[in-house]
Amino acid sequence: HRADLLALLAAAFPAERLHLGHRLTGITDHGSHVRAHFG
């Protein structure tokens, strides 16, 4: 079941590195780094 696989992957990834409610609105590539813009 897709939900089972997604839950398994999410449990294996550190929770502090997963940022929910972050809707991407744009990106800017500055050459040395990339900036993500959120809603």
PDB file of all heavy atoms in Angstrom:
ATOM      1  N   HIS A   1       0.874  -1.177   0.000  1.00  0.00           N
ATOM      2  CA  HIS A   1       0.000   0.000   0.000  1.00  0.00           C
ATOM      3  C   HIS A   1       0.911   1.228   0.000  1.00  0.00           C
ATOM      4  O   HIS A   1       1.912   1.276   0.728  1.00  0.00           O
ATOM      5  CB  HIS A   1      -0.884  -0.001   1.247  1.00  0.00           C
ATOM      6  CG  HIS A   1      -2.030   0.967   1.180  1.00  0.00           C
ATOM      7  ND1 HIS A   1      -1.849   2.329   1.066  1.00  0.00           N
ATOM      8  CD2 HIS A   1      -3.372   0.771   1.200  1.00  0.00           C
ATOM      9  CE1 HIS A   1      -3.017   2.927   1.026  1.00  0.00           C
ATOM     10  NE2 HIS A   1      -3.972   2.001   1.101  1.00  0.00           N
ATOM     11  N   ARG A   2       0.604   2.191  -0.813  1.00  0.00           N
ATOM     12  CA  ARG A   2       1.440   3.397  -0.900  1.00  0.00           C
ATOM     13  C   ARG A   2       1.595   4.076   0.459  1.00  0.00           C
ATOM     14  O   ARG A   2       2.670   4.569   0.793  1.00  0.00           O
ATOM     15  CB  ARG A   2       0.836   4.389  -1.905  1.00  0.00           C
ATOM     16  CG  ARG A   2       1.037   3.990  -3.347  1.00  0.00           C
ATOM     17  CD  ARG A   2       0.376   4.999  -4.280  1.00  0.00           C
ATOM     18  NE  ARG A   2       0.645   4.674  -5.670  1.00  0.00           N
ATOM     19  CZ  ARG A   2       1.663   5.151  -6.375  1.00  0.00           C
ATOM     20  NH1 ARG A   2       2.517   5.980  -5.807  1.00  0.00           N
ATOM     21  NH2 ARG A   2       1.841   4.786  -7.630  1.00  0.00           N
ATOM     22  N   ALA A   3       0.519   4.100   1.226  1.00  0.00           N
ATOM     23  CA  ALA A   3       0.592   4.745   2.544  1.00  0.00           C
ATOM     24  C   ALA A   3       1.572   4.019   3.459  1.00  0.00           C
ATOM     25  O   ALA A   3       2.272   4.652   4.249  1.00  0.00           O
ATOM     26  CB  ALA A   3      -0.791   4.799   3.178  1.00  0.00           C
ATOM     27  N   ASP A   4       1.633   2.692   3.353  1.00  0.00           N
ATOM     28  CA  ASP A   4       2.576   1.928   4.172  1.00  0.00           C
ATOM     29  C   ASP A   4       4.015   2.282   3.804  1.00  0.00           C
ATOM     30  O   ASP A   4       4.874   2.451   4.680  1.00  0.00           O
ATOM     31  CB  ASP A   4       2.356   0.425   3.982  1.00  0.00           C
ATOM     32  CG  ASP A   4       1.024  -0.056   4.538  1.00  0.00           C
ATOM     33  OD1 ASP A   4       0.467   0.629   5.420  1.00  0.00           O
ATOM     34  OD2 ASP A   4       0.546  -1.110   4.096  1.00  0.00           O
ATOM     35  N   LEU A   5       4.288   2.385   2.503  1.00  0.00           N
ATOM     36  CA  LEU A   5       5.645   2.711   2.067  1.00  0.00           C
ATOM     37  C   LEU A   5       6.025   4.133   2.468  1.00  0.00           C
ATOM     38  O   LEU A   5       7.136   4.375   2.955  1.00  0.00           O
ATOM     39  CB  LEU A   5       5.775   2.536   0.559  1.00  0.00           C
ATOM     40  CG  LEU A   5       7.146   2.874  -0.039  1.00  0.00           C
ATOM     41  CD1 LEU A   5       8.251   2.049   0.588  1.00  0.00           C
ATOM     42  CD2 LEU A   5       7.126   2.690  -1.557  1.00  0.00           C
ATOM     43  N   LEU A   6       5.111   5.071   2.280  1.00  0.00           N
ATOM     44  CA  LEU A   6       5.401   6.455   2.647  1.00  0.00           C
ATOM     45  C   LEU A   6       5.670   6.577   4.149  1.00  0.00           C
ATOM     46  O   LEU A   6       6.608   7.269   4.571  1.00  0.00           O
ATOM     47  CB  LEU A   6       4.248   7.369   2.241  1.00  0.00           C
ATOM     48  CG  LEU A   6       4.512   8.865   2.369  1.00  0.00           C
ATOM     49  CD1 LEU A   6       5.560   9.316   1.363  1.00  0.00           C
ATOM     50  CD2 LEU A   6       3.233   9.674   2.195  1.00  0.00           C
ATOM     51  N   ALA A   7       4.876   5.896   4.962  1.00  0.00           N
ATOM     52  CA  ALA A   7       5.071   5.947   6.417  1.00  0.00           C
ATOM     53  C   ALA A   7       6.417   5.355   6.803  1.00  0.00           C
ATOM     54  O   ALA A   7       7.109   5.879   7.692  1.00  0.00           O
ATOM     55  CB  ALA A   7       3.932   5.207   7.124  1.00  0.00           C
ATOM     56  N   LEU A   8       6.811   4.286   6.141  1.00  0.00           N
ATOM     57  CA  LEU A   8       8.084   3.640   6.418  1.00  0.00           C
ATOM     58  C   LEU A   8       9.252   4.581   6.103  1.00  0.00           C
ATOM     59  O   LEU A   8      10.197   4.721   6.886  1.00  0.00           O
ATOM     60  CB  LEU A   8       8.159   2.368   5.572  1.00  0.00           C
ATOM     61  CG  LEU A   8       9.347   1.430   5.625  1.00  0.00           C
ATOM     62  CD1 LEU A   8       8.903   0.043   5.147  1.00  0.00           C
ATOM     63  CD2 LEU A   8      10.476   1.904   4.728  1.00  0.00           C
ATOM     64  N   LEU A   9       9.180   5.248   4.946  1.00  0.00           N
ATOM     65  CA  LEU A   9      10.244   6.169   4.551  1.00  0.00           C
ATOM     66  C   LEU A   9      10.305   7.367   5.498  1.00  0.00           C
ATOM     67  O   LEU A   9      11.393   7.810   5.900  1.00  0.00           O
ATOM     68  CB  LEU A   9      10.020   6.643   3.114  1.00  0.00           C
ATOM     69  CG  LEU A   9      10.141   5.574   2.026  1.00  0.00           C
ATOM     70  CD1 LEU A   9       9.645   6.120   0.696  1.00  0.00           C
ATOM     71  CD2 LEU A   9      11.573   5.080   1.898  1.00  0.00           C
ATOM     72  N   ALA A  10       9.137   7.901   5.853  1.00  0.00           N
ATOM     73  CA  ALA A  10       9.102   9.064   6.740  1.00  0.00           C
ATOM     74  C   ALA A  10       9.657   8.719   8.121  1.00  0.00           C
ATOM     75  O   ALA A  10      10.355   9.531   8.737  1.00  0.00           O
ATOM     76  CB  ALA A  10       7.672   9.587   6.851  1.00  0.00           C
ATOM     77  N   ALA A  11       9.361   7.521   8.610  1.00  0.00           N
ATOM     78  CA  ALA A  11       9.857   7.117   9.926  1.00  0.00           C
ATOM     79  C   ALA A  11      11.376   6.976   9.935  1.00  0.00           C
ATOM     80  O   ALA A  11      12.015   7.164  10.975  1.00  0.00           O
ATOM     81  CB  ALA A  11       9.208   5.800  10.343  1.00  0.00           C
ATOM     82  N   ALA A  12      11.955   6.667   8.776  1.00  0.00           N
ATOM     83  CA  ALA A  12      13.405   6.488   8.696  1.00  0.00           C
ATOM     84  C   ALA A  12      14.151   7.809   8.558  1.00  0.00           C
ATOM     85  O   ALA A  12      15.365   7.859   8.760  1.00  0.00           O
ATOM     86  CB  ALA A  12      13.746   5.580   7.510  1.00  0.00           C
ATOM     87  N   PHE A  13      13.423   8.883   8.231  1.00  0.00           N
ATOM     88  CA  PHE A  13      14.061  10.184   8.013  1.00  0.00           C
ATOM     89  C   PHE A  13      13.911  11.038   9.270  1.00  0.00           C
ATOM     90  O   PHE A  13      12.818  11.118   9.833  1.00  0.00           O
ATOM     91  CB  PHE A  13      13.417  10.884   6.813  1.00  0.00           C
ATOM     92  CG  PHE A  13      14.149  12.107   6.346  1.00  0.00           C
ATOM     93  CD1 PHE A  13      15.379  12.006   5.729  1.00  0.00           C
ATOM     94  CD2 PHE A  13      13.604  13.377   6.536  1.00  0.00           C
ATOM     95  CE1 PHE A  13      16.060  13.127   5.293  1.00  0.00           C
ATOM     96  CE2 PHE A  13      14.276  14.504   6.111  1.00  0.00           C
ATOM     97  CZ  PHE A  13      15.519  14.382   5.494  1.00  0.00           C
ATOM     98  N   PRO A  14      14.972  11.695   9.722  1.00  0.00           N
ATOM     99  CA  PRO A  14      14.883  12.489  10.959  1.00  0.00           C
ATOM    100  C   PRO A  14      13.783  13.550  10.891  1.00  0.00           C
ATOM    101  O   PRO A  14      13.735  14.349   9.950  1.00  0.00           O
ATOM    102  CB  PRO A  14      16.272  13.128  11.062  1.00  0.00           C
ATOM    103  CG  PRO A  14      17.171  12.219  10.294  1.00  0.00           C
ATOM    104  CD  PRO A  14      16.342  11.705   9.156  1.00  0.00           C
ATOM    105  N   ALA A  15      12.916  13.557  11.889  1.00  0.00           N
ATOM    106  CA  ALA A  15      11.759  14.454  11.873  1.00  0.00           C
ATOM    107  C   ALA A  15      12.160  15.918  11.822  1.00  0.00           C
ATOM    108  O   ALA A  15      11.457  16.742  11.216  1.00  0.00           O
ATOM    109  CB  ALA A  15      10.892  14.187  13.108  1.00  0.00           C
ATOM    110  N   GLU A  16      13.294  16.272  12.435  1.00  0.00           N
ATOM    111  CA  GLU A  16      13.707  17.673  12.460  1.00  0.00           C
ATOM    112  C   GLU A  16      14.184  18.166  11.086  1.00  0.00           C
ATOM    113  O   GLU A  16      14.336  19.371  10.876  1.00  0.00           O
ATOM    114  CB  GLU A  16      14.813  17.880  13.496  1.00  0.00           C
ATOM    115  CG  GLU A  16      16.143  17.208  13.173  1.00  0.00           C
ATOM    116  CD  GLU A  16      16.221  15.764  13.649  1.00  0.00           C
ATOM    117  OE1 GLU A  16      15.154  15.214  14.025  1.00  0.00           O
ATOM    118  OE2 GLU A  16      17.344  15.210  13.654  1.00  0.00           O
ATOM    119  N   ARG A  17      14.364  17.235  10.157  1.00  0.00           N
ATOM    120  CA  ARG A  17      14.789  17.613   8.800  1.00  0.00           C
ATOM    121  C   ARG A  17      13.617  17.660   7.810  1.00  0.00           C
ATOM    122  O   ARG A  17      13.812  17.960   6.634  1.00  0.00           O
ATOM    123  CB  ARG A  17      15.845  16.634   8.291  1.00  0.00           C
ATOM    124  CG  ARG A  17      17.158  16.690   9.056  1.00  0.00           C
ATOM    125  CD  ARG A  17      18.164  15.668   8.542  1.00  0.00           C
ATOM    126  NE  ARG A  17      19.455  15.814   9.203  1.00  0.00           N
ATOM    127  CZ  ARG A  17      20.424  16.632   8.801  1.00  0.00           C
ATOM    128  NH1 ARG A  17      20.239  17.379   7.713  1.00  0.00           N
ATOM    129  NH2 ARG A  17      21.559  16.716   9.465  1.00  0.00           N
ATOM    130  N   LEU A  18      12.430  17.328   8.281  1.00  0.00           N
ATOM    131  CA  LEU A  18      11.239  17.332   7.436  1.00  0.00           C
ATOM    132  C   LEU A  18      10.371  18.525   7.804  1.00  0.00           C
ATOM    133  O   LEU A  18       9.903  18.641   8.936  1.00  0.00           O
ATOM    134  CB  LEU A  18      10.461  16.025   7.633  1.00  0.00           C
ATOM    135  CG  LEU A  18       9.139  15.880   6.883  1.00  0.00           C
ATOM    136  CD1 LEU A  18       9.335  15.989   5.380  1.00  0.00           C
ATOM    137  CD2 LEU A  18       8.477  14.546   7.241  1.00  0.00           C
ATOM    138  N   HIS A  19      10.148  19.408   6.840  1.00  0.00           N
ATOM    139  CA  HIS A  19       9.446  20.672   7.083  1.00  0.00           C
ATOM    140  C   HIS A  19       8.120  20.669   6.320  1.00  0.00           C
ATOM    141  O   HIS A  19       8.089  20.846   5.103  1.00  0.00           O
ATOM    142  CB  HIS A  19      10.320  21.849   6.651  1.00  0.00           C
ATOM    143  CG  HIS A  19      11.722  21.773   7.198  1.00  0.00           C
ATOM    144  ND1 HIS A  19      12.024  22.069   8.516  1.00  0.00           N
ATOM    145  CD2 HIS A  19      12.897  21.395   6.619  1.00  0.00           C
ATOM    146  CE1 HIS A  19      13.330  21.896   8.722  1.00  0.00           C
ATOM    147  NE2 HIS A  19      13.875  21.489   7.586  1.00  0.00           N
ATOM    148  N   LEU A  20       7.031  20.467   7.069  1.00  0.00           N
ATOM    149  CA  LEU A  20       5.707  20.405   6.464  1.00  0.00           C
ATOM    150  C   LEU A  20       5.091  21.801   6.366  1.00  0.00           C
ATOM    151  O   LEU A  20       5.508  22.727   7.069  1.00  0.00           O
ATOM    152  CB  LEU A  20       4.809  19.491   7.293  1.00  0.00           C
ATOM    153  CG  LEU A  20       5.293  18.043   7.443  1.00  0.00           C
ATOM    154  CD1 LEU A  20       4.362  17.262   8.367  1.00  0.00           C
ATOM    155  CD2 LEU A  20       5.405  17.357   6.091  1.00  0.00           C
ATOM    156  N   GLY A  21       4.099  21.939   5.506  1.00  0.00           N
ATOM    157  CA  GLY A  21       3.444  23.226   5.317  1.00  0.00           C
ATOM    158  C   GLY A  21       4.319  24.246   4.622  1.00  0.00           C
ATOM    159  O   GLY A  21       4.092  25.455   4.757  1.00  0.00           O
ATOM    160  N   HIS A  22       5.306  23.794   3.861  1.00  0.00           N
ATOM    161  CA  HIS A  22       6.215  24.679   3.123  1.00  0.00           C
ATOM    162  C   HIS A  22       5.884  24.601   1.635  1.00  0.00           C
ATOM    163  O   HIS A  22       6.382  23.718   0.930  1.00  0.00           O
ATOM    164  CB  HIS A  22       7.669  24.276   3.374  1.00  0.00           C
ATOM    165  CG  HIS A  22       8.238  24.820   4.638  1.00  0.00           C
ATOM    166  ND1 HIS A  22       9.580  25.012   4.840  1.00  0.00           N
ATOM    167  CD2 HIS A  22       7.634  25.232   5.783  1.00  0.00           C
ATOM    168  CE1 HIS A  22       9.780  25.509   6.048  1.00  0.00           C
ATOM    169  NE2 HIS A  22       8.612  25.638   6.639  1.00  0.00           N
ATOM    170  N   ARG A  23       5.046  25.503   1.173  1.00  0.00           N
ATOM    171  CA  ARG A  23       4.651  25.541  -0.239  1.00  0.00           C
ATOM    172  C   ARG A  23       5.638  26.395  -1.024  1.00  0.00           C
ATOM    173  O   ARG A  23       5.773  27.589  -0.785  1.00  0.00           O
ATOM    174  CB  ARG A  23       3.235  26.107  -0.375  1.00  0.00           C
ATOM    175  CG  ARG A  23       2.726  26.201  -1.823  1.00  0.00           C
ATOM    176  CD  ARG A  23       1.295  26.699  -1.859  1.00  0.00           C
ATOM    177  NE  ARG A  23       1.173  28.020  -1.235  1.00  0.00           N
ATOM    178  CZ  ARG A  23       1.365  29.174  -1.894  1.00  0.00           C
ATOM    179  NH1 ARG A  23       1.719  29.179  -3.174  1.00  0.00           N
ATOM    180  NH2 ARG A  23       1.222  30.321  -1.243  1.00  0.00           N
ATOM    181  N   LEU A  24       6.341  25.757  -1.952  1.00  0.00           N
ATOM    182  CA  LEU A  24       7.330  26.472  -2.748  1.00  0.00           C
ATOM    183  C   LEU A  24       6.639  27.456  -3.691  1.00  0.00           C
ATOM    184  O   LEU A  24       5.694  27.100  -4.388  1.00  0.00           O
ATOM    185  CB  LEU A  24       8.163  25.481  -3.568  1.00  0.00           C
ATOM    186  CG  LEU A  24       9.332  26.102  -4.340  1.00  0.00           C
ATOM    187  CD1 LEU A  24      10.495  26.389  -3.400  1.00  0.00           C
ATOM    188  CD2 LEU A  24       9.774  25.177  -5.480  1.00  0.00           C
ATOM    189  N   THR A  25       7.131  28.703  -3.701  1.00  0.00           N
ATOM    190  CA  THR A  25       6.593  29.712  -4.619  1.00  0.00           C
ATOM    191  C   THR A  25       7.607  30.170  -5.653  1.00  0.00           C
ATOM    192  O   THR A  25       7.241  30.793  -6.648  1.00  0.00           O
ATOM    193  CB  THR A  25       6.095  30.942  -3.837  1.00  0.00           C
ATOM    194  OG1 THR A  25       7.180  31.485  -3.063  1.00  0.00           O
ATOM    195  CG2 THR A  25       4.935  30.559  -2.918  1.00  0.00           C
ATOM    196  N   GLY A  26       8.874  29.862  -5.442  1.00  0.00           N
ATOM    197  CA  GLY A  26       9.887  30.266  -6.413  1.00  0.00           C
ATOM    198  C   GLY A  26      11.269  29.840  -5.960  1.00  0.00           C
ATOM    199  O   GLY A  26      11.475  29.454  -4.801  1.00  0.00           O
ATOM    200  N   ILE A  27      12.223  29.880  -6.880  1.00  0.00           N
ATOM    201  CA  ILE A  27      13.615  29.587  -6.561  1.00  0.00           C
ATOM    202  C   ILE A  27      14.513  30.625  -7.224  1.00  0.00           C
ATOM    203  O   ILE A  27      14.186  31.159  -8.288  1.00  0.00           O
ATOM    204  CB  ILE A  27      14.032  28.164  -7.010  1.00  0.00           C
ATOM    205  CG1 ILE A  27      13.786  27.971  -8.506  1.00  0.00           C
ATOM    206  CG2 ILE A  27      13.301  27.106  -6.211  1.00  0.00           C
ATOM    207  CD1 ILE A  27      14.262  26.635  -9.034  1.00  0.00           C
ATOM    208  N   THR A  28      15.631  30.902  -6.591  1.00  0.00           N
ATOM    209  CA  THR A  28      16.632  31.819  -7.137  1.00  0.00           C
ATOM    210  C   THR A  28      17.998  31.150  -7.042  1.00  0.00           C
ATOM    211  O   THR A  28      18.447  30.812  -5.943  1.00  0.00           O
ATOM    212  CB  THR A  28      16.666  33.141  -6.361  1.00  0.00           C
ATOM    213  OG1 THR A  28      15.351  33.700  -6.315  1.00  0.00           O
ATOM    214  CG2 THR A  28      17.612  34.126  -7.043  1.00  0.00           C
ATOM    215  N   ASP A  29      18.617  30.920  -8.193  1.00  0.00           N
ATOM    216  CA  ASP A  29      19.950  30.317  -8.222  1.00  0.00           C
ATOM    217  C   ASP A  29      20.970  31.446  -8.243  1.00  0.00           C
ATOM    218  O   ASP A  29      21.089  32.172  -9.233  1.00  0.00           O
ATOM    219  CB  ASP A  29      20.100  29.414  -9.445  1.00  0.00           C
ATOM    220  CG  ASP A  29      21.373  28.567  -9.390  1.00  0.00           C
ATOM    221  OD1 ASP A  29      22.303  28.950  -8.656  1.00  0.00           O
ATOM    222  OD2 ASP A  29      21.431  27.536 -10.084  1.00  0.00           O
ATOM    223  N   HIS A  30      21.695  31.606  -7.158  1.00  0.00           N
ATOM    224  CA  HIS A  30      22.680  32.678  -7.041  1.00  0.00           C
ATOM    225  C   HIS A  30      24.068  32.256  -7.521  1.00  0.00           C
ATOM    226  O   HIS A  30      25.034  32.999  -7.338  1.00  0.00           O
ATOM    227  CB  HIS A  30      22.765  33.145  -5.584  1.00  0.00           C
ATOM    228  CG  HIS A  30      21.535  33.866  -5.117  1.00  0.00           C
ATOM    229  ND1 HIS A  30      21.273  35.188  -5.418  1.00  0.00           N
ATOM    230  CD2 HIS A  30      20.488  33.430  -4.357  1.00  0.00           C
ATOM    231  CE1 HIS A  30      20.131  35.542  -4.869  1.00  0.00           C
ATOM    232  NE2 HIS A  30      19.625  34.500  -4.213  1.00  0.00           N
ATOM    233  N   GLY A  31      24.167  31.080  -8.116  1.00  0.00           N
ATOM    234  CA  GLY A  31      25.461  30.607  -8.572  1.00  0.00           C
ATOM    235  C   GLY A  31      26.189  29.823  -7.511  1.00  0.00           C
ATOM    236  O   GLY A  31      26.543  28.659  -7.696  1.00  0.00           O
ATOM    237  N   SER A  32      26.405  30.441  -6.349  1.00  0.00           N
ATOM    238  CA  SER A  32      27.078  29.764  -5.244  1.00  0.00           C
ATOM    239  C   SER A  32      26.098  29.011  -4.355  1.00  0.00           C
ATOM    240  O   SER A  32      26.493  28.152  -3.571  1.00  0.00           O
ATOM    241  CB  SER A  32      27.851  30.775  -4.395  1.00  0.00           C
ATOM    242  OG  SER A  32      26.952  31.741  -3.845  1.00  0.00           O
ATOM    243  N   HIS A  33      24.806  29.330  -4.441  1.00  0.00           N
ATOM    244  CA  HIS A  33      23.777  28.659  -3.659  1.00  0.00           C
ATOM    245  C   HIS A  33      22.418  28.906  -4.305  1.00  0.00           C
ATOM    246  O   HIS A  33      22.272  29.774  -5.169  1.00  0.00           O
ATOM    247  CB  HIS A  33      23.769  29.155  -2.204  1.00  0.00           C
ATOM    248  CG  HIS A  33      23.398  30.601  -2.067  1.00  0.00           C
ATOM    249  ND1 HIS A  33      24.295  31.634  -2.270  1.00  0.00           N
ATOM    250  CD2 HIS A  33      22.207  31.197  -1.751  1.00  0.00           C
ATOM    251  CE1 HIS A  33      23.684  32.796  -2.087  1.00  0.00           C
ATOM    252  NE2 HIS A  33      22.423  32.554  -1.758  1.00  0.00           N
ATOM    253  N   VAL A  34      21.411  28.130  -3.876  1.00  0.00           N
ATOM    254  CA  VAL A  34      20.043  28.251  -4.392  1.00  0.00           C
ATOM    255  C   VAL A  34      19.120  28.619  -3.245  1.00  0.00           C
ATOM    256  O   VAL A  34      19.128  27.952  -2.195  1.00  0.00           O
ATOM    257  CB  VAL A  34      19.565  26.933  -5.033  1.00  0.00           C
ATOM    258  CG1 VAL A  34      18.153  27.103  -5.600  1.00  0.00           C
ATOM    259  CG2 VAL A  34      20.521  26.472  -6.109  1.00  0.00           C
ATOM    260  N   ARG A  35      18.326  29.652  -3.457  1.00  0.00           N
ATOM    261  CA  ARG A  35      17.369  30.082  -2.430  1.00  0.00           C
ATOM    262  C   ARG A  35      15.971  29.613  -2.805  1.00  0.00           C
ATOM    263  O   ARG A  35      15.485  29.865  -3.910  1.00  0.00           O
ATOM    264  CB  ARG A  35      17.394  31.601  -2.271  1.00  0.00           C
ATOM    265  CG  ARG A  35      16.368  32.138  -1.263  1.00  0.00           C
ATOM    266  CD  ARG A  35      16.706  33.573  -0.881  1.00  0.00           C
ATOM    267  NE  ARG A  35      17.973  33.602  -0.141  1.00  0.00           N
ATOM    268  CZ  ARG A  35      18.614  34.735   0.160  1.00  0.00           C
ATOM    269  NH1 ARG A  35      18.145  35.908  -0.229  1.00  0.00           N
ATOM    270  NH2 ARG A  35      19.755  34.674   0.842  1.00  0.00           N
ATOM    271  N   ALA A  36      15.318  28.932  -1.880  1.00  0.00           N
ATOM    272  CA  ALA A  36      13.929  28.513  -2.049  1.00  0.00           C
ATOM    273  C   ALA A  36      13.024  29.513  -1.346  1.00  0.00           C
ATOM    274  O   ALA A  36      13.286  29.904  -0.204  1.00  0.00           O
ATOM    275  CB  ALA A  36      13.725  27.118  -1.468  1.00  0.00           C
ATOM    276  N   HIS A  37      11.962  29.927  -2.025  1.00  0.00           N
ATOM    277  CA  HIS A  37      10.984  30.872  -1.472  1.00  0.00           C
ATOM    278  C   HIS A  37       9.681  30.119  -1.197  1.00  0.00           C
ATOM    279  O   HIS A  37       9.197  29.372  -2.055  1.00  0.00           O
ATOM    280  CB  HIS A  37      10.723  32.016  -2.455  1.00  0.00           C
ATOM    281  CG  HIS A  37      11.959  32.764  -2.855  1.00  0.00           C
ATOM    282  ND1 HIS A  37      12.372  33.923  -2.233  1.00  0.00           N
ATOM    283  CD2 HIS A  37      12.881  32.505  -3.817  1.00  0.00           C
ATOM    284  CE1 HIS A  37      13.484  34.368  -2.804  1.00  0.00           C
ATOM    285  NE2 HIS A  37      13.812  33.515  -3.776  1.00  0.00           N
ATOM    286  N   PHE A  38       9.099  30.349  -0.024  1.00  0.00           N
ATOM    287  CA  PHE A  38       7.903  29.619   0.380  1.00  0.00           C
ATOM    288  C   PHE A  38       6.716  30.555   0.591  1.00  0.00           C
ATOM    289  O   PHE A  38       6.878  31.770   0.769  1.00  0.00           O
ATOM    290  CB  PHE A  38       8.190  28.804   1.645  1.00  0.00           C
ATOM    291  CG  PHE A  38       9.271  27.787   1.446  1.00  0.00           C
ATOM    292  CD1 PHE A  38      10.560  28.008   1.938  1.00  0.00           C
ATOM    293  CD2 PHE A  38       9.025  26.620   0.745  1.00  0.00           C
ATOM    294  CE1 PHE A  38      11.569  27.081   1.753  1.00  0.00           C
ATOM    295  CE2 PHE A  38      10.027  25.682   0.549  1.00  0.00           C
ATOM    296  CZ  PHE A  38      11.297  25.910   1.051  1.00  0.00           C
ATOM    297  N   GLY A  39       5.535  29.953   0.587  1.00  0.00           N
ATOM    298  CA  GLY A  39       4.300  30.722   0.640  1.00  0.00           C
ATOM    299  C   GLY A  39       4.121  31.527   1.903  1.00  0.00           C
ATOM    300  O   GLY A  39       3.381  32.525   1.905  1.00  0.00           O
TER     301      GLY A  39
END
